PDB file of N, CA and C in Angstrom:
ATOM      1  N   MET A   1      10.209 -20.483  -2.950  1.00  0.00           N
ATOM      2  CA  MET A   1       8.744 -19.629  -2.225  1.00  0.00           C
ATOM      3  C   MET A   1       9.249 -18.760  -1.063  1.00  0.00           C
ATOM      4  N   ALA A   2       9.493 -17.502  -0.862  1.00  0.00           N
ATOM      5  CA  ALA A   2       9.807 -16.741   0.699  1.00  0.00           C
ATOM      6  C   ALA A   2       9.055 -17.255   1.305  1.00  0.00           C
ATOM      7  N   ARG A   3       9.534 -16.652   2.547  1.00  0.00           N
ATOM      8  CA  ARG A   3       8.283 -16.820   3.461  1.00  0.00           C
ATOM      9  C   ARG A   3       7.252 -16.201   3.760  1.00  0.00           C
ATOM     10  N   LYS A   4       6.446 -16.511   4.180  1.00  0.00           N
ATOM     11  CA  LYS A   4       4.416 -15.404   4.209  1.00  0.00           C
ATOM     12  C   LYS A   4       5.439 -13.379   4.304  1.00  0.00           C
ATOM     13  N   SER A   5       6.185 -14.293   5.751  1.00  0.00           N
ATOM     14  CA  SER A   5       6.386 -12.812   6.693  1.00  0.00           C
ATOM     15  C   SER A   5       7.434 -11.507   6.372  1.00  0.00           C
ATOM     16  N   LEU A   6       8.487 -12.527   5.679  1.00  0.00           N
ATOM     17  CA  LEU A   6       8.953 -11.435   4.836  1.00  0.00           C
ATOM     18  C   LEU A   6       8.744 -10.737   4.110  1.00  0.00           C
ATOM     19  N   ILE A   7       7.763 -10.889   2.748  1.00  0.00           N
ATOM     20  CA  ILE A   7       6.744 -10.919   1.570  1.00  0.00           C
ATOM     21  C   ILE A   7       6.073  -9.351   2.738  1.00  0.00           C
ATOM     22  N   ALA A   8       5.140 -10.017   3.454  1.00  0.00           N
ATOM     23  CA  ALA A   8       4.517  -8.758   4.394  1.00  0.00           C
ATOM     24  C   ALA A   8       5.635  -7.446   4.249  1.00  0.00           C
ATOM     25  N   ARG A   9       6.370  -8.091   5.412  1.00  0.00           N
ATOM     26  CA  ARG A   9       7.708  -6.950   5.907  1.00  0.00           C
ATOM     27  C   ARG A   9       7.400  -5.845   4.063  1.00  0.00           C
ATOM     28  N   GLU A  10       7.558  -5.862   3.836  1.00  0.00           N
ATOM     29  CA  GLU A  10       8.776  -5.223   2.257  1.00  0.00           C
ATOM     30  C   GLU A  10       7.237  -5.145   1.678  1.00  0.00           C
ATOM     31  N   ASP A  11       5.451  -5.328   1.711  1.00  0.00           N
ATOM     32  CA  ASP A  11       4.816  -4.875   1.687  1.00  0.00           C
ATOM     33  C   ASP A  11       4.600  -2.985   2.361  1.00  0.00           C
ATOM     34  N   LYS A  12       4.533  -4.130   3.841  1.00  0.00           N
ATOM     35  CA  LYS A  12       4.922  -2.721   5.135  1.00  0.00           C
ATOM     36  C   LYS A  12       5.785  -1.281   4.738  1.00  0.00           C
ATOM     37  N   ARG A  13       7.067  -1.686   4.458  1.00  0.00           N
ATOM     38  CA  ARG A  13       8.048  -1.062   4.054  1.00  0.00           C
ATOM     39  C   ARG A  13       7.687  -0.233   2.692  1.00  0.00           C
ATOM     40  N   VAL A  14       6.947  -0.361   1.520  1.00  0.00           N
ATOM     41  CA  VAL A  14       6.705   0.102   0.635  1.00  0.00           C
ATOM     42  C   VAL A  14       5.849   1.412   1.131  1.00  0.00           C
ATOM     43  N   LYS A  15       4.966   0.840   1.697  1.00  0.00           N
ATOM     44  CA  LYS A  15       3.254   1.713   2.106  1.00  0.00           C
ATOM     45  C   LYS A  15       3.703   2.380   3.135  1.00  0.00           C
ATOM     46  N   LEU A  16       4.768   2.935   4.424  1.00  0.00           N
ATOM     47  CA  LEU A  16       5.694   3.276   4.857  1.00  0.00           C
ATOM     48  C   LEU A  16       6.003   4.408   4.148  1.00  0.00           C
ATOM     49  N   SER A  17       7.186   3.968   3.484  1.00  0.00           N
ATOM     50  CA  SER A  17       8.023   4.458   2.409  1.00  0.00           C
ATOM     51  C   SER A  17       7.053   6.235   1.132  1.00  0.00           C
ATOM     52  N   GLU A  18       5.846   5.424   1.121  1.00  0.00           N
ATOM     53  CA  GLU A  18       5.363   6.251  -0.060  1.00  0.00           C
ATOM     54  C   GLU A  18       4.419   7.025   1.097  1.00  0.00           C
ATOM     55  N   LYS A  19       3.977   6.663   2.315  1.00  0.00           N
ATOM     56  CA  LYS A  19       2.785   7.352   3.035  1.00  0.00           C
ATOM     57  C   LYS A  19       3.960   9.061   3.586  1.00  0.00           C
ATOM     58  N   TYR A  20       4.927   8.601   3.620  1.00  0.00           N
ATOM     59  CA  TYR A  20       6.146   9.737   4.058  1.00  0.00           C
ATOM     60  C   TYR A  20       7.083  10.175   3.385  1.00  0.00           C
ATOM     61  N   ARG A  21       7.063  10.136   1.919  1.00  0.00           N
ATOM     62  CA  ARG A  21       8.078  10.279   1.320  1.00  0.00           C
ATOM     63  C   ARG A  21       7.778  11.845   1.101  1.00  0.00           C
ATOM     64  N   LYS A  22       6.456  12.800   0.684  1.00  0.00           N
ATOM     65  CA  LYS A  22       6.388  13.938   0.732  1.00  0.00           C
ATOM     66  C   LYS A  22       7.055  14.758   2.150  1.00  0.00           C
ATOM     67  N   LEU A  23       6.528  14.365   3.015  1.00  0.00           N
ATOM     68  CA  LEU A  23       7.583  14.382   4.674  1.00  0.00           C
ATOM     69  C   LEU A  23       8.617  14.787   4.626  1.00  0.00           C
ATOM     70  N   ARG A  24       8.972  13.877   4.277  1.00  0.00           N
ATOM     71  CA  ARG A  24      10.632  12.938   3.963  1.00  0.00           C
ATOM     72  C   ARG A  24      10.982  14.312   3.027  1.00  0.00           C
ATOM     73  N   GLU A  25      10.756  14.931   1.937  1.00  0.00           N
ATOM     74  CA  GLU A  25      11.616  15.783   0.796  1.00  0.00           C
ATOM     75  C   GLU A  25      10.857  17.517   1.988  1.00  0.00           C
ATOM     76  N   GLU A  26      10.166  17.352   2.425  1.00  0.00           N
ATOM     77  CA  GLU A  26       9.707  18.483   2.955  1.00  0.00           C
ATOM     78  C   GLU A  26      11.193  18.939   3.984  1.00  0.00           C
ATOM     79  N   LEU A  27      11.593  17.687   4.919  1.00  0.00           N
ATOM     80  CA  LEU A  27      12.216  18.121   6.274  1.00  0.00           C
ATOM     81  C   LEU A  27      13.594  18.254   5.692  1.00  0.00           C
ATOM     82  N   LYS A  28      14.609  17.693   4.219  1.00  0.00           N
ATOM     83  CA  LYS A  28      15.280  18.109   3.877  1.00  0.00           C
ATOM     84  C   LYS A  28      16.120  18.302   3.100  1.00  0.00           C
ATOM     85  N   ALA A  29      14.461  19.288   2.203  1.00  0.00           N
ATOM     86  CA  ALA A  29      14.637  21.099   1.910  1.00  0.00           C
ATOM     87  C   ALA A  29      15.016  21.491   2.591  1.00  0.00           C
ATOM     88  N   ALA A  30      14.167  21.619   3.699  1.00  0.00           N
ATOM     89  CA  ALA A  30      14.168  22.277   4.942  1.00  0.00           C
ATOM     90  C   ALA A  30      15.851  22.258   6.127  1.00  0.00           C
ATOM     91  N   GLY A  31      16.161  21.506   6.204  1.00  0.00           N
ATOM     92  CA  GLY A  31      17.303  20.740   7.056  1.00  0.00           C
ATOM     93  C   GLY A  31      17.321  20.732   8.041  1.00  0.00           C
ATOM     94  N   ASP A  32      15.586  20.209   8.705  1.00  0.00           N
ATOM     95  CA  ASP A  32      15.346  19.739   9.905  1.00  0.00           C
ATOM     96  C   ASP A  32      15.937  17.894   9.959  1.00  0.00           C
ATOM     97  N   TRP A  33      16.944  17.811  10.584  1.00  0.00           N
ATOM     98  CA  TRP A  33      17.482  16.739  10.660  1.00  0.00           C
ATOM     99  C   TRP A  33      16.923  15.998  11.772  1.00  0.00           C
ATOM    100  N   GLU A  34      16.693  16.348  12.897  1.00  0.00           N
ATOM    101  CA  GLU A  34      16.060  15.954  14.312  1.00  0.00           C
ATOM    102  C   GLU A  34      14.950  15.944  13.665  1.00  0.00           C
ATOM    103  N   ALA A  35      13.802  16.130  13.155  1.00  0.00           N
ATOM    104  CA  ALA A  35      12.530  15.796  12.494  1.00  0.00           C
ATOM    105  C   ALA A  35      12.789  14.345  12.091  1.00  0.00           C
ATOM    106  N   LEU A  36      13.478  14.597  10.846  1.00  0.00           N
ATOM    107  CA  LEU A  36      13.557  13.537  10.445  1.00  0.00           C
ATOM    108  C   LEU A  36      14.220  12.471  10.837  1.00  0.00           C
ATOM    109  N   GLN A  37      14.821  12.302  11.339  1.00  0.00           N
ATOM    110  CA  GLN A  37      15.749  11.361  12.518  1.00  0.00           C
ATOM    111  C   GLN A  37      14.303  10.383  13.446  1.00  0.00           C
ATOM    112  N   LYS A  38      13.212  11.344  13.938  1.00  0.00           N
ATOM    113  CA  LYS A  38      12.582  10.896  14.639  1.00  0.00           C
ATOM    114  C   LYS A  38      10.652  10.043  13.561  1.00  0.00           C
ATOM    115  N   LEU A  39      11.202  10.033  12.534  1.00  0.00           N
ATOM    116  CA  LEU A  39      10.895   9.054  11.493  1.00  0.00           C
ATOM    117  C   LEU A  39      10.280   7.721  11.560  1.00  0.00           C
ATOM    118  N   PRO A  40       9.333   6.853  11.376  1.00  0.00           N
ATOM    119  CA  PRO A  40       9.794   5.389  11.384  1.00  0.00           C
ATOM    120  C   PRO A  40      11.193   5.336  10.599  1.00  0.00           C
ATOM    121  N   LYS A  41      12.002   4.211  10.644  1.00  0.00           N
ATOM    122  CA  LYS A  41      12.939   4.267  10.427  1.00  0.00           C
ATOM    123  C   LYS A  41      12.706   2.813   8.883  1.00  0.00           C
ATOM    124  N   ASN A  42      11.677   2.787   8.908  1.00  0.00           N
ATOM    125  CA  ASN A  42      11.062   1.836   7.640  1.00  0.00           C
ATOM    126  C   ASN A  42      10.936   2.968   6.581  1.00  0.00           C
ATOM    127  N   SER A  43      10.029   3.724   6.975  1.00  0.00           N
ATOM    128  CA  SER A  43       9.902   4.946   5.898  1.00  0.00           C
ATOM    129  C   SER A  43      11.098   5.449   5.293  1.00  0.00           C
ATOM    130  N   SER A  44      11.825   4.835   5.230  1.00  0.00           N
ATOM    131  CA  SER A  44      13.416   5.562   4.333  1.00  0.00           C
ATOM    132  C   SER A  44      13.065   4.695   2.940  1.00  0.00           C
ATOM    133  N   PRO A  45      13.488   4.903   1.917  1.00  0.00           N
ATOM    134  CA  PRO A  45      13.168   4.514   0.354  1.00  0.00           C
ATOM    135  C   PRO A  45      14.525   3.078   0.728  1.00  0.00           C
ATOM    136  N   VAL A  46      15.443   3.748   1.028  1.00  0.00           N
ATOM    137  CA  VAL A  46      16.426   3.085   1.395  1.00  0.00           C
ATOM    138  C   VAL A  46      16.876   1.709   2.027  1.00  0.00           C
ATOM    139  N   ARG A  47      15.696   1.253   2.788  1.00  0.00           N
ATOM    140  CA  ARG A  47      15.586   0.557   3.251  1.00  0.00           C
ATOM    141  C   ARG A  47      14.726  -1.036   2.551  1.00  0.00           C
ATOM    142  N   LEU A  48      14.074  -0.685   1.353  1.00  0.00           N
ATOM    143  CA  LEU A  48      13.472  -1.249   0.922  1.00  0.00           C
ATOM    144  C   LEU A  48      14.106  -2.517  -0.250  1.00  0.00           C
ATOM    145  N   HIS A  49      13.290  -3.205  -1.078  1.00  0.00           N
ATOM    146  CA  HIS A  49      14.800  -4.384  -1.373  1.00  0.00           C
ATOM    147  C   HIS A  49      13.790  -4.679  -2.193  1.00  0.00           C
ATOM    148  N   ASN A  50      14.111  -4.815  -3.855  1.00  0.00           N
ATOM    149  CA  ASN A  50      13.613  -5.618  -4.758  1.00  0.00           C
ATOM    150  C   ASN A  50      13.462  -7.390  -4.867  1.00  0.00           C
ATOM    151  N   ARG A  51      11.670  -7.090  -4.357  1.00  0.00           N
ATOM    152  CA  ARG A  51      11.445  -9.035  -4.425  1.00  0.00           C
ATOM    153  C   ARG A  51      10.399  -9.633  -5.759  1.00  0.00           C
ATOM    154  N   CYS A  52      11.195 -10.327  -5.805  1.00  0.00           N
ATOM    155  CA  CYS A  52      10.529 -11.342  -7.835  1.00  0.00           C
ATOM    156  C   CYS A  52       9.123 -11.894  -7.297  1.00  0.00           C
ATOM    157  N   MET A  53       8.409 -10.607  -7.886  1.00  0.00           N
ATOM    158  CA  MET A  53       6.963 -11.278  -8.447  1.00  0.00           C
ATOM    159  C   MET A  53       6.420 -12.380  -8.786  1.00  0.00           C
ATOM    160  N   MET A  54       6.886 -13.240  -8.766  1.00  0.00           N
ATOM    161  CA  MET A  54       6.428 -15.013  -8.451  1.00  0.00           C
ATOM    162  C   MET A  54       6.231 -15.302  -7.304  1.00  0.00           C
ATOM    163  N   THR A  55       7.586 -15.283  -6.800  1.00  0.00           N
ATOM    164  CA  THR A  55       8.033 -16.247  -5.281  1.00  0.00           C
ATOM    165  C   THR A  55       8.832 -15.336  -5.249  1.00  0.00           C
ATOM    166  N   GLY A  56       8.671 -13.867  -4.819  1.00  0.00           N
ATOM    167  CA  GLY A  56       8.850 -13.357  -3.548  1.00  0.00           C
ATOM    168  C   GLY A  56      10.881 -12.952  -3.532  1.00  0.00           C
ATOM    169  N   ARG A  57      11.368 -14.012  -4.266  1.00  0.00           N
ATOM    170  CA  ARG A  57      12.960 -13.761  -3.386  1.00  0.00           C
ATOM    171  C   ARG A  57      13.133 -12.933  -4.380  1.00  0.00           C
ATOM    172  N   ALA A  58      14.410 -12.493  -2.510  1.00  0.00           N
ATOM    173  CA  ALA A  58      14.789 -10.787  -2.588  1.00  0.00           C
ATOM    174  C   ALA A  58      16.617 -10.655  -3.871  1.00  0.00           C
ATOM    175  N   ARG A  59      17.027 -12.226  -4.048  1.00  0.00           N
ATOM    176  CA  ARG A  59      18.349 -11.807  -4.384  1.00  0.00           C
ATOM    177  C   ARG A  59      18.012 -13.196  -6.006  1.00  0.00           C
ATOM    178  N   GLY A  60      19.385 -12.002  -6.915  1.00  0.00           N
ATOM    179  CA  GLY A  60      19.146 -13.103  -7.861  1.00  0.00           C
ATOM    180  C   GLY A  60      18.168 -12.196  -8.927  1.00  0.00           C
ATOM    181  N   TYR A  61      17.393 -10.857  -8.436  1.00  0.00           N
ATOM    182  CA  TYR A  61      16.465  -9.689  -8.836  1.00  0.00           C
ATOM    183  C   TYR A  61      16.958  -8.913 -10.328  1.00  0.00           C
ATOM    184  N   TYR A  62      16.182  -9.579 -11.697  1.00  0.00           N
ATOM    185  CA  TYR A  62      16.387  -8.673 -13.026  1.00  0.00           C
ATOM    186  C   TYR A  62      15.272  -8.017 -12.788  1.00  0.00           C
ATOM    187  N   ARG A  63      15.983  -6.239 -12.641  1.00  0.00           N
ATOM    188  CA  ARG A  63      14.880  -5.440 -12.235  1.00  0.00           C
ATOM    189  C   ARG A  63      14.439  -5.099 -13.561  1.00  0.00           C
ATOM    190  N   LYS A  64      14.665  -5.180 -14.992  1.00  0.00           N
ATOM    191  CA  LYS A  64      14.183  -4.845 -16.385  1.00  0.00           C
ATOM    192  C   LYS A  64      12.791  -5.980 -16.294  1.00  0.00           C
ATOM    193  N   PHE A  65      13.202  -7.173 -15.732  1.00  0.00           N
ATOM    194  CA  PHE A  65      11.656  -8.141 -15.862  1.00  0.00           C
ATOM    195  C   PHE A  65      10.745  -8.083 -14.324  1.00  0.00           C
ATOM    196  N   GLY A  66      11.420  -7.430 -13.215  1.00  0.00           N
ATOM    197  CA  GLY A  66      11.001  -7.575 -12.264  1.00  0.00           C
ATOM    198  C   GLY A  66      10.197  -9.327 -11.401  1.00  0.00           C
ATOM    199  N   VAL A  67      11.658  -9.820 -12.323  1.00  0.00           N
ATOM    200  CA  VAL A  67      11.481 -11.980 -11.363  1.00  0.00           C
ATOM    201  C   VAL A  67      12.430 -11.749 -10.984  1.00  0.00           C
ATOM    202  N   SER A  68      12.806 -12.880 -10.357  1.00  0.00           N
ATOM    203  CA  SER A  68      14.142 -13.836  -9.937  1.00  0.00           C
ATOM    204  C   SER A  68      14.504 -14.537 -11.337  1.00  0.00           C
ATOM    205  N   ARG A  69      15.581 -14.838 -10.980  1.00  0.00           N
ATOM    206  CA  ARG A  69      16.622 -15.614 -12.054  1.00  0.00           C
ATOM    207  C   ARG A  69      16.268 -16.363 -12.431  1.00  0.00           C
ATOM    208  N   LEU A  70      15.696 -17.540 -11.525  1.00  0.00           N
ATOM    209  CA  LEU A  70      15.446 -18.700 -11.275  1.00  0.00           C
ATOM    210  C   LEU A  70      13.974 -18.140 -12.138  1.00  0.00           C
ATOM    211  N   VAL A  71      13.254 -17.624 -12.425  1.00  0.00           N
ATOM    212  CA  VAL A  71      11.891 -17.534 -12.316  1.00  0.00           C
ATOM    213  C   VAL A  71      11.733 -17.318 -14.091  1.00  0.00           C
ATOM    214  N   PHE A  72      12.925 -15.916 -14.695  1.00  0.00           N
ATOM    215  CA  PHE A  72      13.181 -15.490 -15.445  1.00  0.00           C
ATOM    216  C   PHE A  72      13.933 -16.722 -16.347  1.00  0.00           C
ATOM    217  N   ARG A  73      14.036 -17.469 -15.633  1.00  0.00           N
ATOM    218  CA  ARG A  73      15.533 -18.911 -16.973  1.00  0.00           C
ATOM    219  C   ARG A  73      13.644 -19.612 -17.240  1.00  0.00           C
ATOM    220  N   GLU A  74      12.973 -19.710 -16.348  1.00  0.00           N
ATOM    221  CA  GLU A  74      11.962 -20.770 -16.316  1.00  0.00           C
ATOM    222  C   GLU A  74      10.636 -20.868 -17.510  1.00  0.00           C
ATOM    223  N   LYS A  75      10.750 -18.936 -17.596  1.00  0.00           N
ATOM    224  CA  LYS A  75      10.004 -18.528 -18.271  1.00  0.00           C
ATOM    225  C   LYS A  75      10.560 -18.290 -19.887  1.00  0.00           C
ATOM    226  N   ALA A  76      11.767 -18.106 -19.356  1.00  0.00           N
ATOM    227  CA  ALA A  76      11.935 -17.059 -21.183  1.00  0.00           C
ATOM    228  C   ALA A  76      12.636 -18.830 -22.352  1.00  0.00           C
ATOM    229  N   LEU A  77      12.925 -20.175 -20.996  1.00  0.00           N
ATOM    230  CA  LEU A  77      13.119 -20.863 -22.391  1.00  0.00           C
ATOM    231  C   LEU A  77      11.424 -22.045 -22.416  1.00  0.00           C
ATOM    232  N   ARG A  78      10.315 -21.433 -21.809  1.00  0.00           N
ATOM    233  CA  ARG A  78       8.879 -21.780 -21.915  1.00  0.00           C
ATOM    234  C   ARG A  78       8.513 -21.071 -23.306  1.00  0.00           C
ATOM    235  N   GLY A  79       9.158 -19.859 -23.842  1.00  0.00           N
ATOM    236  CA  GLY A  79       9.143 -18.432 -24.614  1.00  0.00           C
ATOM    237  C   GLY A  79       8.301 -17.952 -23.916  1.00  0.00           C
ATOM    238  N   GLU A  80       7.411 -17.351 -23.121  1.00  0.00           N
ATOM    239  CA  GLU A  80       7.203 -16.491 -22.242  1.00  0.00           C
ATOM    240  C   GLU A  80       6.931 -15.348 -21.858  1.00  0.00           C
ATOM    241  N   ILE A  81       8.795 -14.535 -22.908  1.00  0.00           N
ATOM    242  CA  ILE A  81       9.421 -13.506 -22.417  1.00  0.00           C
ATOM    243  C   ILE A  81       9.775 -12.977 -23.805  1.00  0.00           C
ATOM    244  N   PRO A  82       8.914 -11.970 -24.211  1.00  0.00           N
ATOM    245  CA  PRO A  82       9.276 -11.513 -26.081  1.00  0.00           C
ATOM    246  C   PRO A  82      10.338 -11.277 -26.337  1.00  0.00           C
ATOM    247  N   GLY A  83      11.387 -11.509 -27.105  1.00  0.00           N
ATOM    248  CA  GLY A  83      12.967 -11.010 -27.646  1.00  0.00           C
ATOM    249  C   GLY A  83      14.159 -11.769 -26.778  1.00  0.00           C
ATOM    250  N   VAL A  84      13.331 -12.769 -26.215  1.00  0.00           N
ATOM    251  CA  VAL A  84      14.652 -13.671 -25.048  1.00  0.00           C
ATOM    252  C   VAL A  84      14.269 -14.543 -25.418  1.00  0.00           C
ATOM    253  N   LYS A  85      16.007 -15.487 -25.983  1.00  0.00           N
ATOM    254  CA  LYS A  85      15.719 -16.878 -26.579  1.00  0.00           C
ATOM    255  C   LYS A  85      17.125 -17.444 -26.497  1.00  0.00           C
ATOM    256  N   LYS A  86      17.443 -18.742 -25.957  1.00  0.00           N
ATOM    257  CA  LYS A  86      18.685 -19.458 -25.296  1.00  0.00           C
ATOM    258  C   LYS A  86      19.496 -19.039 -26.725  1.00  0.00           C
ATOM    259  N   SER A  87      20.778 -19.018 -25.793  1.00  0.00           N
ATOM    260  CA  SER A  87      21.514 -19.016 -26.485  1.00  0.00           C
ATOM    261  C   SER A  87      22.354 -19.237 -27.093  1.00  0.00           C
ATOM    262  N   SER A  88      23.509 -19.842 -27.988  1.00  0.00           N
ATOM    263  CA  SER A  88      24.406 -20.685 -27.952  1.00  0.00           C
ATOM    264  C   SER A  88      25.330 -20.044 -29.676  1.00  0.00           C
ATOM    265  N   TRP A  89      26.620 -20.506 -28.954  1.00  0.00           N
ATOM    266  CA  TRP A  89      27.665 -19.977 -30.219  1.00  0.00           C
ATOM    267  C   TRP A  89      28.848 -21.572 -30.322  1.00  0.00           C
TER     268      TRP A  89
END
């Protein structure tokens, strides 16, 4: 499980990104790079990082399922993910 502070920090970035999205688009279209520089750093969508819904893990994230590789494996072995089964050849 990731530290609660890392998960909270990521949530804060998501909220800031949503808050400033329209303003950022307008400034980019106008070419006002100085005003864009004055916005908060964390309002940039580039700074967002995907995290597992269950554990908050940042690495080994499967975008299609929204979970990390560890949680994905456990759920797949328990049969909780439809259409996924352990392969053998």
